[in-house]
Protein backbone atom coordinates (compact mmCIF):
# COMPACT_ATOMS: atom_id res chain seq x y z
CA MET A 1 -0.30 10.82 4.75
CA ARG A 2 -2.71 8.83 4.90
CA THR A 3 -1.75 5.02 6.37
CA ILE A 4 -3.78 1.79 4.63
CA HIS A 5 -4.03 -1.42 6.77
CA THR A 6 -3.51 -4.54 4.91
CA ASP A 7 -1.72 -7.52 4.84
CA ILE A 8 1.92 -6.52 3.21
CA THR A 9 3.07 -10.36 2.97
CA ALA A 10 0.50 -10.70 -0.06
CA ARG A 11 2.21 -9.18 -2.70
CA THR A 12 2.79 -9.58 -6.32
CA ALA A 13 5.22 -10.74 -8.59
CA ASP A 14 7.35 -7.24 -8.88
CA HIS A 15 6.63 -6.84 -5.11
CA CYS A 16 3.84 -4.71 -4.94
CA ILE A 17 1.36 -4.84 -2.66
CA PRO A 18 -2.05 -5.47 -3.54
CA LEU A 19 -4.98 -2.91 -2.15
CA SER A 20 -8.72 -2.90 -2.41
CA GLN A 21 -10.77 -0.35 -4.60
CA ASP A 22 -13.53 -0.06 -1.77
CA ARG A 23 -10.91 0.53 0.60
CA LEU A 24 -9.05 3.35 -1.18
CA ARG A 25 -12.74 4.74 -2.19
CA ASP A 26 -13.41 4.81 1.48
CA LEU A 27 -10.43 6.91 2.39
CA CYS A 28 -10.63 9.09 -0.25
CA ILE A 29 -7.03 8.00 -2.25
CA ARG A 30 -6.54 8.00 -5.73
CA ALA A 31 -3.84 6.84 -8.11
CA GLY A 32 -0.71 8.59 -7.77
CA ASP A 33 -1.00 9.11 -3.57
CA HIS A 34 1.58 8.64 -1.48
CA VAL A 35 0.33 6.94 1.42
CA ARG A 36 1.77 4.57 4.44
CA VAL A 37 0.88 0.73 4.21
CA ALA A 38 0.85 -0.88 7.53
CA GLY A 39 0.57 -4.60 8.48
CA GLY A 40 1.13 -6.79 11.55
CA ASP A 41 4.44 -4.80 13.00
CA ILE A 42 5.77 -3.23 9.67
CA GLU A 43 5.25 -0.22 7.80
CA VAL A 44 6.33 1.28 4.17
CA GLU A 45 5.86 4.64 2.50
CA ALA A 46 4.43 3.70 -1.03
CA ARG A 47 2.90 5.57 -4.11
CA VAL A 48 -0.59 4.06 -5.32
CA GLU A 49 -0.94 2.83 -8.89
CA LEU A 50 -3.67 1.24 -10.74
CA ARG A 51 -3.40 -1.37 -12.81
CA ALA A 52 -5.40 -3.74 -14.94
CA SER A 53 -5.67 -6.52 -12.22
CA GLY A 54 -6.43 -3.85 -9.48
CA PRO A 55 -4.99 -1.24 -7.34
CA VAL A 56 -1.61 -1.68 -5.69
CA ALA A 57 0.72 0.55 -3.52
CA VAL A 58 4.16 0.21 -5.22
CA PRO A 59 6.52 0.43 -1.84
CA GLN A 60 9.81 2.61 -1.19
CA TRP A 61 11.31 -0.49 0.85
CA SER A 62 14.07 1.87 1.95
CA THR A 63 11.37 3.02 4.04
CA LEU A 64 10.33 0.34 5.79
CA THR A 65 9.96 0.43 9.30
CA TYR A 66 8.99 -1.86 12.47
CA ARG A 67 6.64 -0.79 14.93
CA GLU A 68 5.95 -2.11 18.67
């Protein structure tokens, strides 16, 4: 599972995490892929989804972990 480093606190109204299309292309990640999203000292597993406003990570908040 690939890890995307981004600002997890910048979320959409439905608590998804906006992603950069360029970064997804660089990492060869497509819609439907499962990834870990990391930001600061937290990580969460998510599924990548393409929306009209751009790509987002739909987090599975039960997998939220704190890194040291």
